[in-house]
C-alpha atoms as a PDB file:
ATOM      1  CA  UNK A   1     109.331 114.433 110.020  1.00  0.00           C
ATOM      2  CA  UNK A   2     107.815 115.550 106.479  1.00  0.00           C
ATOM      3  CA  UNK A   3     106.316 118.496 108.218  1.00  0.00           C
ATOM      4  CA  UNK A   4     109.651 119.568 109.719  1.00  0.00           C
ATOM      5  CA  UNK A   5     111.036 119.347 106.237  1.00  0.00           C
ATOM      6  CA  UNK A   6     108.296 121.692 104.884  1.00  0.00           C
ATOM      7  CA  UNK A   7     108.486 123.941 107.689  1.00  0.00           C
ATOM      8  CA  UNK A   8     112.331 124.337 107.102  1.00  0.00           C
ATOM      9  CA  UNK A   9     111.581 124.790 103.648  1.00  0.00           C
ATOM     10  CA  UNK A  10     109.084 127.700 104.372  1.00  0.00           C
ATOM     11  CA  UNK A  11     111.498 129.476 106.506  1.00  0.00           C
ATOM     12  CA  UNK A  12     114.002 129.802 103.690  1.00  0.00           C
ATOM     13  CA  UNK A  13     111.639 130.601 100.908  1.00  0.00           C
ATOM     14  CA  UNK A  14     110.574 134.119 101.933  1.00  0.00           C
ATOM     15  CA  UNK A  15     110.275 135.494  98.597  1.00  0.00           C
ATOM     16  CA  UNK A  16     106.595 134.564  98.087  1.00  0.00           C
ATOM     17  CA  UNK A  17     106.681 130.990  96.489  1.00  0.00           C
ATOM     18  CA  UNK A  18     104.379 128.586  98.205  1.00  0.00           C
ATOM     19  CA  UNK A  19     105.386 125.093  98.698  1.00  0.00           C
ATOM     20  CA  UNK A  20     102.910 122.780  96.893  1.00  0.00           C
ATOM     21  CA  UNK A  21     101.024 120.125  98.890  1.00  0.00           C
ATOM     22  CA  UNK A  22     102.006 116.701  97.961  1.00  0.00           C
ATOM     23  CA  UNK A  23      99.941 113.706  99.187  1.00  0.00           C
ATOM     24  CA  UNK A  24     102.622 111.130  99.911  1.00  0.00           C
ATOM     25  CA  UNK A  25      99.946 108.412  99.700  1.00  0.00           C
ATOM     26  CA  UNK A  26      99.362 109.304  96.137  1.00  0.00           C
ATOM     27  CA  UNK A  27     103.049 109.340  95.122  1.00  0.00           C
ATOM     28  CA  UNK A  28     103.580 105.969  96.814  1.00  0.00           C
ATOM     29  CA  UNK A  29     100.404 104.506  94.961  1.00  0.00           C
ATOM     30  CA  UNK A  30     101.563 105.863  91.620  1.00  0.00           C
ATOM     31  CA  UNK A  31     104.906 104.277  92.117  1.00  0.00           C
ATOM     32  CA  UNK A  32     103.567 100.955  93.067  1.00  0.00           C
ATOM     33  CA  UNK A  33     101.326 101.190  89.828  1.00  0.00           C
ATOM     34  CA  UNK A  34     104.261 102.067  87.674  1.00  0.00           C
ATOM     35  CA  UNK A  35     106.135  99.056  88.998  1.00  0.00           C
ATOM     36  CA  UNK A  36     103.312  96.756  88.354  1.00  0.00           C
ATOM     37  CA  UNK A  37     102.560  98.105  85.046  1.00  0.00           C
ATOM     38  CA  UNK A  38     106.305  97.956  83.984  1.00  0.00           C
ATOM     39  CA  UNK A  39     106.390  94.386  85.291  1.00  0.00           C
ATOM     40  CA  UNK A  40     103.536  93.256  83.077  1.00  0.00           C
ATOM     41  CA  UNK A  41     105.151  95.006  80.176  1.00  0.00           C
ATOM     42  CA  UNK A  42     108.407  93.288  80.885  1.00  0.00           C
ATOM     43  CA  UNK A  43     106.793  89.917  81.192  1.00  0.00           C
ATOM     44  CA  UNK A  44     105.418  90.340  77.621  1.00  0.00           C
ATOM     45  CA  UNK A  45     108.879  91.050  76.394  1.00  0.00           C
ATOM     46  CA  UNK A  46     108.493  94.656  76.160  1.00  0.00           C
ATOM     47  CA  UNK A  47     111.804  96.740  76.281  1.00  0.00           C
ATOM     48  CA  UNK A  48     109.806  99.744  77.525  1.00  0.00           C
ATOM     49  CA  UNK A  49     108.799  97.588  80.481  1.00  0.00           C
ATOM     50  CA  UNK A  50     112.322  97.146  81.277  1.00  0.00           C
ATOM     51  CA  UNK A  51     112.818 100.906  81.208  1.00  0.00           C
ATOM     52  CA  UNK A  52     109.973 101.487  83.482  1.00  0.00           C
ATOM     53  CA  UNK A  53     111.144  98.997  85.908  1.00  0.00           C
ATOM     54  CA  UNK A  54     114.729 100.540  85.826  1.00  0.00           C
ATOM     55  CA  UNK A  55     113.789 103.992  86.287  1.00  0.00           C
ATOM     56  CA  UNK A  56     111.110 103.579  89.050  1.00  0.00           C
END
């Protein structure tokens, strides 16, 4: 499904811009890391941890 999405973008972008390759596994791993890091900060009464948890 992601490949079809990129193919559709490539059809509409005919002015020379390339679609960057994004590894979805890396995005998911980074999101999980942010949630864990925000949770640890939140447990230690950090308001920044609450912001990280709320925006992730």
